[in-house]
Amino acid sequence: MSVAVERVLLSDPLMGDRARLITVGGMASLAEIESEVRTYRTQLVAAALAVGALVALALALATVRLTRPIHDLTQVADRIAAGERNLSSASVDRHDEFGMLARSIMRMLDALRDSAKNEEQAALGRMATMIAHDVRNALSSVKMNVKILHTHHSRDQGDLAEGCEIALEQIGYMENILTDMLDFARPRGLVMDWVDLDEVIRIATLSMLPEIGERSVVLCQSHERLPKVFGDRTRLIQVFQNLMANAIQSMSNGGHLTLDAKSTLHQSRPAVEVLIADNGSGIPEELLSKAFDPFFTTRTKGTGLGLTIVRRIVIDHGGAIRLEQNPEGGTIARVMLPLSPPEWEGGDVLGHVRGSPSGP
C-alpha cells in the first residue's frame, strides 16, 4: 500500500521528548517509512554505544592517571617505613598536587638520611674519641721508653739504635692517625685572627721539604703577594700540609708539585684562591665526588680522614675546596678563602681578633 506523504514525524523512546521531521518526496510505502525508522534507530544506538565507549575509556585513563602516582607514593612510603633510605619517586617531576606531595616526601627522606648520618657519625665519634684516648695514653708510655732506650744507645751503630729510630717513626705515624681520628670525632674550635697567608704557605712547604727531597719531587712555586685573611693560623697550616702531603705521596717516582695563589672573588666577596697541583697517579674521575667522604682513601695506608678534616676546616673559614683532574695527569686542589671575617653565629668557633689586616 502506498500513500502520498510529504513529511513524516519520527519519534523514538531513546530520544525522549525529541522527534525528527523527515521529508519524503512523492509516494512512499509504509515499508519504506519503517525502513527509514529502523535505520535511524540503528544509527542512534551506534552513536550511543560509541559515546559510552569513549566515556568508559576516558574514565579508565583518568583512573590510571590518578592511581599510578598514588601507587608510586604508597610504595615509596612503605619502603621508607621498612628502613630504606636510597629511594626516588617518578612523581617529583609532576606539576600538580601529586608532584608537590612527592617532593615533600623526598625532602622528608633527605632529612631522615641526614639525621641518620649525623647520629651514626656522632656514635662513631664517641667511640673513636674513647679508643683514641686509651691508645694515645698507652702509646705515650711506649714512646717515652723508646726515647730513653734510644738516648742510651744513640752512639751505637748497631741494630738497637736503628730499631729505636724505626719505632719512633712508626709511633709518630700512629700519633698522626690518632690525631686525625680525634679531629674528626671532636672538631676543635678555631682561634681566629688576621693571618699572613704567605707565611702559612711557607711554613707548610718547609715542613714538606724532607719528603719532597726523598721522592725527587720538583717544587714549582710562583704566586703574587697575598693579602691577610681572617682565620686560624694553625688549622690553615694543617690544610696546606695535608694537601701537599697527598700530592707528594701520589708521585712515587718523582714529579712536579705546583703551588700558586691569587686574589679573586668568592661568593661576591674578596678572597684568595690557592692551587696545589701534582702530576702523580691522580684520582679517577668517578671517585672525585667521594674524595671528601670520611674514611675514603685510594692508598693502602692512612685513615681516609685527611680530606674530610681539610674540607671541614675550609668551610668553617667560610671558604670552599674542590678537587679536579689535572690535564697533565694527577690532581688539582683549589682552596678558596675569604679575606674578611664571615658572619659567624658565635660559639667556640670564633676567637677574638688580636690585630688588624695591616698588622697587630
Protein backbone atom coordinates (compact mmCIF):
# COMPACT_ATOMS: atom_id res chain seq x y z
CA MET A 1 0.00 0.00 0.00
CA SER A 2 1.39 3.39 -0.94
CA VAL A 3 0.42 6.71 0.45
CA ALA A 4 1.19 10.20 -0.62
CA VAL A 5 3.36 11.68 2.11
CA GLU A 6 5.36 14.85 2.10
CA ARG A 7 6.61 14.87 5.70
CA VAL A 8 6.67 12.23 8.43
CA LEU A 9 7.27 12.89 12.11
CA LEU A 10 9.53 10.21 13.68
CA SER A 11 9.79 9.70 17.39
CA ASP A 12 11.74 7.18 19.47
CA PRO A 13 11.91 6.24 23.15
CA LEU A 14 15.67 6.85 23.08
CA MET A 15 15.01 10.45 22.08
CA GLY A 16 12.69 11.23 24.94
CA ASP A 17 10.50 14.18 24.05
CA ARG A 18 12.53 15.00 20.94
CA ALA A 19 11.40 13.98 17.43
CA ARG A 20 12.81 14.09 13.92
CA LEU A 21 10.85 15.53 10.99
CA ILE A 22 11.84 13.97 7.68
CA THR A 23 10.67 14.79 4.23
CA VAL A 24 9.71 12.07 1.85
CA GLY A 25 9.09 13.22 -1.66
CA GLY A 26 6.27 11.77 -3.69
CA MET A 27 4.67 8.46 -2.91
CA ALA A 28 6.12 6.38 -0.03
CA SER A 29 5.12 2.99 1.22
CA LEU A 30 4.78 2.17 4.86
CA ALA A 31 7.65 -0.36 4.47
CA GLU A 32 9.92 2.38 3.25
CA ILE A 33 8.96 4.57 6.18
CA GLU A 34 9.54 1.71 8.62
CA SER A 35 12.95 1.07 7.00
CA GLU A 36 13.89 4.68 7.47
CA VAL A 37 12.85 4.45 11.12
CA ARG A 38 14.93 1.30 11.69
CA THR A 39 17.96 2.89 10.04
CA TYR A 40 17.64 5.96 12.18
CA ARG A 41 17.25 3.86 15.33
CA THR A 42 20.33 1.79 14.43
CA GLN A 43 22.36 4.94 13.91
CA LEU A 44 21.17 6.31 17.21
CA VAL A 45 22.07 3.12 19.11
CA ALA A 46 25.50 3.01 17.46
CA ALA A 47 26.14 6.62 18.42
CA ALA A 48 25.07 5.92 21.99
CA LEU A 49 27.39 2.91 22.18
CA ALA A 50 30.29 4.93 20.76
CA VAL A 51 29.73 7.71 23.27
CA GLY A 52 29.52 5.16 26.07
CA ALA A 53 32.81 3.55 24.96
CA LEU A 54 34.55 6.92 24.81
CA VAL A 55 33.29 7.81 28.28
CA ALA A 56 34.48 4.44 29.65
CA LEU A 57 37.91 4.92 28.03
CA ALA A 58 38.19 8.42 29.43
CA LEU A 59 37.27 7.17 32.88
CA ALA A 60 39.83 4.35 32.63
CA LEU A 61 42.58 6.75 31.57
CA ALA A 62 41.67 9.18 34.34
CA THR A 63 41.69 6.34 36.86
CA VAL A 64 45.16 5.21 35.72
CA ARG A 65 46.43 8.79 35.81
CA LEU A 66 45.15 9.24 39.34
CA THR A 67 46.02 5.83 40.79
CA ARG A 68 49.52 5.47 39.31
CA PRO A 69 51.12 8.34 41.32
CA ILE A 70 49.19 7.22 44.41
CA HIS A 71 50.54 3.69 43.96
CA ASP A 72 54.07 5.04 43.38
CA LEU A 73 53.97 7.22 46.51
CA THR A 74 52.46 4.39 48.56
CA GLN A 75 55.32 2.10 47.55
CA VAL A 76 57.87 4.77 48.47
CA ALA A 77 56.22 5.34 51.86
CA ASP A 78 56.14 1.57 52.56
CA ARG A 79 59.84 1.23 51.69
CA ILE A 80 60.72 4.21 53.89
CA ALA A 81 58.79 2.59 56.74
CA ALA A 82 60.79 -0.60 56.11
CA GLY A 83 64.03 1.31 56.66
CA GLU A 84 65.18 2.00 53.11
CA ARG A 85 66.71 5.44 52.50
CA ASN A 86 68.16 5.45 48.96
CA LEU A 87 64.86 5.93 47.13
CA SER A 88 63.40 8.12 44.41
CA SER A 89 59.93 8.84 43.09
CA ALA A 90 58.89 9.34 39.48
CA SER A 91 56.16 11.72 40.65
CA VAL A 92 58.57 14.50 41.68
CA ASP A 93 58.52 15.86 38.11
CA ARG A 94 54.74 16.31 38.08
CA HIS A 95 53.33 19.83 38.29
CA ASP A 96 50.22 19.03 40.29
CA GLU A 97 49.29 18.13 43.86
CA PHE A 98 50.86 14.67 43.49
CA GLY A 99 54.15 16.28 42.46
CA MET A 100 54.01 18.58 45.49
CA LEU A 101 53.34 15.59 47.74
CA ALA A 102 56.19 13.58 46.16
CA ARG A 103 58.64 16.45 46.62
CA SER A 104 57.56 16.82 50.24
CA ILE A 105 58.18 13.10 50.82
CA MET A 106 61.62 13.35 49.18
CA ARG A 107 62.52 16.32 51.41
CA MET A 108 61.41 14.32 54.43
CA LEU A 109 63.56 11.40 53.24
CA ASP A 110 66.57 13.72 52.83
CA ALA A 111 66.04 14.94 56.38
CA LEU A 112 65.84 11.33 57.63
CA ARG A 113 69.06 10.47 55.78
CA ASP A 114 70.85 13.48 57.25
CA SER A 115 69.57 12.67 60.73
CA ALA A 116 70.65 9.03 60.45
CA LYS A 117 74.05 10.06 59.14
CA ASN A 118 74.52 12.58 61.95
CA GLU A 119 73.51 10.02 64.56
CA GLU A 120 75.85 7.44 63.04
CA GLN A 121 78.75 9.89 62.94
CA ALA A 122 78.04 11.04 66.49
CA ALA A 123 78.11 7.44 67.76
CA LEU A 124 81.24 6.74 65.74
CA GLY A 125 82.80 9.91 67.07
CA ARG A 126 82.16 8.96 70.69
CA MET A 127 83.64 5.53 70.12
CA ALA A 128 86.65 6.92 68.24
CA THR A 129 87.32 9.50 70.95
CA MET A 130 87.28 6.85 73.67
CA ILE A 131 89.54 4.49 71.73
CA ALA A 132 91.92 7.24 70.64
CA HIS A 133 92.41 8.49 74.20
CA ASP A 134 93.14 5.00 75.51
CA VAL A 135 95.53 4.19 72.67
CA ARG A 136 97.26 7.57 72.93
CA ASN A 137 97.92 7.08 76.64
CA ALA A 138 99.45 3.66 76.02
CA LEU A 139 101.38 5.00 73.02
CA SER A 140 102.83 7.87 75.05
CA SER A 141 104.26 5.39 77.56
CA VAL A 142 105.79 3.30 74.76
CA LYS A 143 107.23 6.41 73.08
CA MET A 144 108.81 7.62 76.32
CA ASN A 145 110.52 4.28 76.94
CA VAL A 146 111.76 4.02 73.35
CA LYS A 147 113.20 7.55 73.60
CA ILE A 148 115.03 6.62 76.80
CA LEU A 149 116.37 3.49 75.14
CA HIS A 150 117.40 5.46 72.06
CA THR A 151 119.18 8.09 74.19
CA HIS A 152 121.25 5.44 75.93
CA HIS A 153 122.21 3.78 72.65
CA SER A 154 122.25 6.75 70.25
CA ARG A 155 126.01 6.40 69.73
CA ASP A 156 125.74 2.74 68.89
CA GLN A 157 125.86 1.82 65.25
CA GLY A 158 124.12 -1.49 65.80
CA ASP A 159 120.63 -2.75 65.18
CA LEU A 160 119.30 -1.47 68.51
CA ALA A 161 119.75 2.22 67.68
CA GLU A 162 118.30 1.73 64.23
CA GLY A 163 115.38 -0.20 65.68
CA CYS A 164 114.67 2.66 68.11
CA GLU A 165 114.59 5.15 65.22
CA ILE A 166 112.19 2.97 63.25
CA ALA A 167 109.99 2.51 66.33
CA LEU A 168 109.86 6.29 66.93
CA GLU A 169 108.97 6.89 63.29
CA GLN A 170 106.11 4.38 63.45
CA ILE A 171 104.91 5.83 66.77
CA GLY A 172 104.79 9.23 65.08
CA TYR A 173 102.72 7.74 62.26
CA MET A 174 100.29 6.21 64.76
CA GLU A 175 100.05 9.54 66.61
CA ASN A 176 99.06 11.21 63.34
CA ILE A 177 96.31 8.64 62.84
CA LEU A 178 95.02 9.24 66.37
CA THR A 179 95.08 13.00 65.79
CA ASP A 180 93.01 12.57 62.63
CA MET A 181 90.50 10.40 64.48
CA LEU A 182 90.17 12.90 67.30
CA ASP A 183 89.87 15.86 64.91
CA PHE A 184 87.13 14.04 63.04
CA ALA A 185 85.28 12.85 66.13
CA ARG A 186 85.62 16.04 68.15
CA PRO A 187 86.31 19.11 65.99
CA ARG A 188 88.36 21.77 67.73
CA GLY A 189 87.19 25.36 67.84
CA LEU A 190 89.01 27.88 65.65
CA VAL A 191 91.15 30.65 67.14
CA MET A 192 90.58 33.44 64.65
CA ASP A 193 92.97 36.26 63.88
CA TRP A 194 94.38 38.11 60.88
CA VAL A 195 96.79 35.63 59.29
CA ASP A 196 99.65 36.18 56.86
CA LEU A 197 98.78 33.56 54.24
CA ASP A 198 102.22 33.81 52.60
CA GLU A 199 103.75 32.79 55.91
CA VAL A 200 101.23 29.96 56.32
CA ILE A 201 102.08 28.53 52.88
CA ARG A 202 105.82 28.95 53.54
CA ILE A 203 105.68 27.04 56.84
CA ALA A 204 103.58 24.27 55.31
CA THR A 205 106.03 23.99 52.40
CA LEU A 206 109.09 23.87 54.69
CA SER A 207 107.56 21.02 56.66
CA MET A 208 107.19 19.03 53.41
CA LEU A 209 110.75 19.60 52.10
CA PRO A 210 112.20 16.34 53.52
CA GLU A 211 109.51 14.27 51.80
CA ILE A 212 109.84 16.35 48.64
CA GLY A 213 113.55 15.57 48.51
CA GLU A 214 113.06 11.91 49.39
CA ARG A 215 110.66 11.41 46.47
CA SER A 216 112.64 13.54 43.99
CA VAL A 217 109.73 15.93 43.54
CA VAL A 218 110.35 19.28 41.85
CA LEU A 219 108.65 22.16 43.67
CA CYS A 220 107.28 24.88 41.39
CA GLN A 221 106.12 27.84 43.45
CA SER A 222 105.15 31.19 41.98
CA HIS A 223 102.43 33.48 43.25
CA GLU A 224 101.76 37.12 43.94
CA ARG A 225 102.00 38.74 47.33
CA LEU A 226 98.84 37.69 49.17
CA PRO A 227 96.68 39.80 51.46
CA LYS A 228 95.99 38.71 55.01
CA VAL A 229 93.00 36.51 55.70
CA PHE A 230 90.90 36.11 58.81
CA GLY A 231 91.45 32.59 60.09
CA ASP A 232 93.07 30.10 62.40
CA ARG A 233 96.80 30.03 61.56
CA THR A 234 97.47 26.54 62.92
CA ARG A 235 94.48 24.98 61.18
CA LEU A 236 95.29 26.66 57.85
CA ILE A 237 98.83 25.29 58.03
CA GLN A 238 97.26 21.87 58.60
CA VAL A 239 95.09 22.31 55.47
CA PHE A 240 98.05 23.03 53.18
CA GLN A 241 100.30 20.42 54.79
CA ASN A 242 97.64 17.77 54.20
CA LEU A 243 97.01 18.78 50.59
CA MET A 244 100.75 18.90 49.82
CA ALA A 245 101.32 15.55 51.53
CA ASN A 246 98.58 13.95 49.40
CA ALA A 247 100.09 15.44 46.25
CA ILE A 248 103.64 14.30 47.11
CA GLN A 249 102.55 10.79 48.07
CA SER A 250 100.83 10.39 44.69
CA MET A 251 104.20 10.88 42.94
CA SER A 252 106.16 7.77 43.93
CA ASN A 253 108.65 8.15 41.08
CA GLY A 254 109.14 11.90 41.19
CA GLY A 255 107.13 14.63 39.55
CA HIS A 256 106.18 18.29 39.80
CA LEU A 257 104.38 19.89 42.74
CA THR A 258 102.93 23.26 41.73
CA LEU A 259 101.82 25.91 44.22
CA ASP A 260 100.04 29.00 43.01
CA ALA A 261 97.81 31.59 44.65
CA LYS A 262 96.00 34.74 43.62
CA SER A 263 93.43 37.25 44.82
CA THR A 264 89.92 36.62 43.50
CA LEU A 265 86.25 36.70 44.46
CA HIS A 266 84.30 34.01 46.27
CA GLN A 267 80.52 34.47 46.54
CA SER A 268 80.98 38.15 45.60
CA ARG A 269 83.47 38.67 48.44
CA PRO A 270 87.22 39.35 48.20
CA ALA A 271 89.08 36.07 48.61
CA VAL A 272 92.30 34.19 47.92
CA GLU A 273 92.50 31.08 45.75
CA VAL A 274 95.33 28.66 46.49
CA LEU A 275 96.10 25.96 43.91
CA ILE A 276 98.08 22.80 44.69
CA ALA A 277 98.67 20.60 41.63
CA ASP A 278 100.61 17.41 41.04
CA ASN A 279 101.20 15.13 38.07
CA GLY A 280 101.06 11.90 40.03
CA SER A 281 98.71 8.94 39.90
CA GLY A 282 95.64 11.15 40.45
CA ILE A 283 92.11 10.23 41.47
CA PRO A 284 89.75 8.60 38.92
CA GLU A 285 87.01 10.92 37.68
CA GLU A 286 84.24 8.75 39.11
CA LEU A 287 85.82 8.88 42.60
CA LEU A 288 86.44 12.63 42.83
CA SER A 289 83.00 13.24 44.34
CA LYS A 290 83.79 10.74 47.14
CA ALA A 291 87.23 12.10 47.99
CA PHE A 292 85.93 14.16 50.94
CA ASP A 293 83.84 11.32 52.40
CA PRO A 294 85.01 10.01 55.81
CA PHE A 295 87.39 7.03 55.57
CA PHE A 296 87.67 7.26 51.78
CA THR A 297 91.20 6.64 50.53
CA THR A 298 92.91 5.30 47.42
CA ARG A 299 96.08 4.43 49.35
CA THR A 300 96.90 1.37 51.39
CA LYS A 301 97.94 3.47 54.39
CA GLY A 302 96.12 6.23 56.19
CA THR A 303 92.73 6.74 57.79
CA GLY A 304 90.93 8.40 54.89
CA LEU A 305 90.04 11.30 57.20
CA GLY A 306 92.56 13.86 56.00
CA LEU A 307 90.49 15.44 53.23
CA THR A 308 87.34 15.24 55.36
CA ILE A 309 89.04 17.33 58.04
CA VAL A 310 90.54 19.69 55.46
CA ARG A 311 87.13 20.35 53.95
CA ARG A 312 85.60 20.98 57.38
CA ILE A 313 88.33 23.50 58.27
CA VAL A 314 87.95 25.35 54.96
CA ILE A 315 84.15 25.51 55.29
CA ASP A 316 84.49 26.72 58.91
CA HIS A 317 86.53 29.60 57.46
CA GLY A 318 83.66 30.46 55.11
CA GLY A 319 85.59 29.09 52.12
CA ALA A 320 85.33 26.22 49.66
CA ILE A 321 87.53 23.45 48.31
CA ARG A 322 87.27 21.28 45.23
CA LEU A 323 89.35 18.63 43.50
CA GLU A 324 89.67 18.22 39.76
CA GLN A 325 91.74 16.19 37.37
CA ASN A 326 94.95 17.76 36.09
CA PRO A 327 95.01 17.81 32.24
CA GLU A 328 98.71 16.86 32.52
CA GLY A 329 97.90 13.94 34.83
CA GLY A 330 97.39 13.97 38.56
CA THR A 331 95.09 16.11 40.66
CA ILE A 332 94.46 19.81 41.29
CA ALA A 333 93.18 21.05 44.64
CA ARG A 334 91.67 24.56 44.72
CA VAL A 335 91.11 26.26 48.08
CA MET A 336 89.05 29.46 48.30
CA LEU A 337 89.42 31.53 51.47
CA PRO A 338 87.55 34.80 52.05
CA LEU A 339 89.61 37.76 53.25
CA SER A 340 87.06 39.30 55.57
CA PRO A 341 85.52 37.56 58.58
CA PRO A 342 82.33 35.70 57.70
CA GLU A 343 79.20 36.31 59.72
CA TRP A 344 79.69 33.77 62.46
CA GLU A 345 76.90 32.66 64.75
CA GLY A 346 79.18 32.61 67.77
CA GLY A 347 80.15 29.61 69.86
CA ASP A 348 83.66 28.26 70.26
CA VAL A 349 84.45 28.63 66.55
CA LEU A 350 85.15 32.33 66.77
CA GLY A 351 88.13 33.51 68.76
CA HIS A 352 88.93 37.15 69.21
CA VAL A 353 90.62 39.48 66.74
CA ARG A 354 94.02 40.30 68.18
CA GLY A 355 95.09 42.54 65.35
CA SER A 356 94.04 44.17 62.10
CA PRO A 357 94.63 43.24 58.45
CA SER A 358 97.63 45.55 58.33
CA GLY A 359 99.20 44.10 61.45
CA PRO A 360 98.79 43.87 65.24
